[in-house]
Amino acid sequence: MTSPSAQTSLSTHVLDAARGKPAADLQVVLSRMNEPVAAAHTDSDGRISWAVALDPGDYLLHFATGAWFASTDREAFYPTVELHVTIGAGHTHVALLLSPFAYTTYRGS
């Protein structure tokens, strides 16, 4: 039998909805039970495929949106976006659509 962590994976995709482009080089920290698991920056397509062993459970994705918007010379209302997600066995994809004064998220495929 395969362990749950071998079957569990997570990816993230962040899009700049105001500009209609990927949110490249946005810092994201993945945590579980208040302990950092991994940190990464989105690639040029706004994506992160978390290359860490994960067990099913509750996680926090912390997006440094304020610093990212500042790096593009734009004002932003949300200095961070934190998404609490529950992932199960298999693959979970978390999408985040950003604009300077709003955001939305959904579980993708």
Protein backbone atom coordinates (compact mmCIF):
# COMPACT_ATOMS: atom_id res chain seq x y z
CA MET A 1 0.00 0.00 0.00
CA THR A 2 1.26 3.48 -0.87
CA SER A 3 1.49 6.06 1.89
CA PRO A 4 -0.94 9.05 1.69
CA SER A 5 1.93 11.54 1.30
CA ALA A 6 3.05 9.77 -1.89
CA GLN A 7 -0.39 10.42 -3.37
CA THR A 8 -0.87 13.99 -2.16
CA SER A 9 0.29 16.98 -4.16
CA LEU A 10 -0.47 20.68 -4.31
CA SER A 11 -0.10 23.35 -6.97
CA THR A 12 -0.90 27.05 -7.03
CA HIS A 13 -1.66 29.44 -9.88
CA VAL A 14 -1.90 33.21 -9.38
CA LEU A 15 -3.24 35.54 -12.04
CA ASP A 16 -3.19 39.33 -12.11
CA ALA A 17 -6.82 39.84 -13.14
CA ALA A 18 -6.38 43.61 -13.51
CA ARG A 19 -3.70 43.18 -16.16
CA GLY A 20 -4.81 39.84 -17.56
CA LYS A 21 -1.39 38.28 -16.96
CA PRO A 22 0.22 35.72 -14.65
CA ALA A 23 1.42 37.06 -11.30
CA ALA A 24 5.10 36.20 -11.74
CA ASP A 25 7.57 36.30 -8.83
CA LEU A 26 4.96 36.46 -6.05
CA GLN A 27 6.22 35.00 -2.75
CA VAL A 28 4.05 32.26 -1.25
CA VAL A 29 4.61 30.37 2.01
CA LEU A 30 2.93 27.02 2.66
CA SER A 31 2.36 26.17 6.34
CA ARG A 32 0.72 23.46 8.39
CA MET A 33 -0.28 23.89 12.02
CA ASN A 34 1.62 27.21 12.23
CA GLU A 35 4.84 25.60 10.97
CA PRO A 36 6.28 26.58 7.57
CA VAL A 37 6.45 23.63 5.18
CA ALA A 38 7.88 25.37 2.10
CA ALA A 39 8.31 28.78 0.50
CA ALA A 40 8.52 29.65 -3.19
CA HIS A 41 7.95 32.37 -5.75
CA THR A 42 5.57 31.93 -8.63
CA ASP A 43 7.24 31.23 -11.96
CA SER A 44 6.82 33.33 -15.10
CA ASP A 45 3.40 31.72 -15.65
CA GLY A 46 2.29 32.52 -12.06
CA ARG A 47 2.54 28.89 -10.96
CA ILE A 48 4.06 26.86 -8.15
CA SER A 49 4.10 23.07 -8.05
CA TRP A 50 4.95 22.36 -4.44
CA ALA A 51 7.75 19.79 -4.51
CA VAL A 52 7.40 18.65 -0.90
CA ALA A 53 5.90 15.52 0.63
CA LEU A 54 2.45 16.38 1.97
CA ASP A 55 -0.03 14.49 4.06
CA PRO A 56 -3.74 15.12 3.68
CA GLY A 57 -4.96 17.80 6.07
CA ASP A 58 -5.32 21.52 6.66
CA TYR A 59 -2.76 23.95 5.24
CA LEU A 60 -2.29 27.71 4.97
CA LEU A 61 -1.12 29.45 1.81
CA HIS A 62 0.26 32.92 2.61
CA PHE A 63 0.58 35.17 -0.44
CA ALA A 64 2.72 38.33 -0.05
CA THR A 65 0.40 40.42 -2.24
CA GLY A 66 1.25 43.85 -0.84
CA ALA A 67 4.96 43.50 -1.54
CA TRP A 68 4.21 42.08 -4.98
CA PHE A 69 1.90 44.95 -5.95
CA ALA A 70 4.46 47.44 -4.60
CA SER A 71 7.12 45.82 -6.82
CA THR A 72 4.89 46.64 -9.80
CA ASP A 73 4.39 50.25 -8.59
CA ARG A 74 0.74 49.70 -7.69
CA GLU A 75 -1.17 50.42 -4.52
CA ALA A 76 -3.05 47.48 -2.96
CA PHE A 77 -5.73 47.11 -0.33
CA TYR A 78 -4.71 43.63 0.92
CA PRO A 79 -1.11 43.42 2.16
CA THR A 80 -1.44 39.63 2.28
CA VAL A 81 -3.88 36.96 1.24
CA GLU A 82 -4.10 33.88 3.44
CA LEU A 83 -6.02 30.86 2.26
CA HIS A 84 -6.81 28.03 4.64
CA VAL A 85 -7.33 24.88 2.59
CA THR A 86 -7.97 21.22 3.29
CA ILE A 87 -6.22 18.88 0.91
CA GLY A 88 -6.91 15.20 0.56
CA ALA A 89 -5.18 12.33 -1.15
CA GLY A 90 -4.56 13.08 -4.80
CA HIS A 91 -3.87 16.44 -6.36
CA THR A 92 -5.23 19.79 -5.17
CA HIS A 93 -4.87 22.94 -7.24
CA VAL A 94 -5.49 26.37 -5.67
CA ALA A 95 -6.06 29.30 -8.02
CA LEU A 96 -5.94 32.93 -6.90
CA LEU A 97 -7.13 35.84 -9.05
CA LEU A 98 -5.76 39.20 -7.89
CA SER A 99 -6.50 42.83 -8.49
CA PRO A 100 -5.27 45.72 -6.34
CA PHE A 101 -8.53 45.97 -4.40
CA ALA A 102 -10.10 42.50 -4.62
CA TYR A 103 -9.28 38.83 -4.94
CA THR A 104 -11.09 35.58 -5.55
CA THR A 105 -9.99 31.99 -5.24
CA TYR A 106 -11.19 28.57 -6.22
CA ARG A 107 -10.14 24.95 -6.26
CA GLY A 108 -9.02 24.14 -9.77
CA SER A 109 -8.03 20.93 -11.46
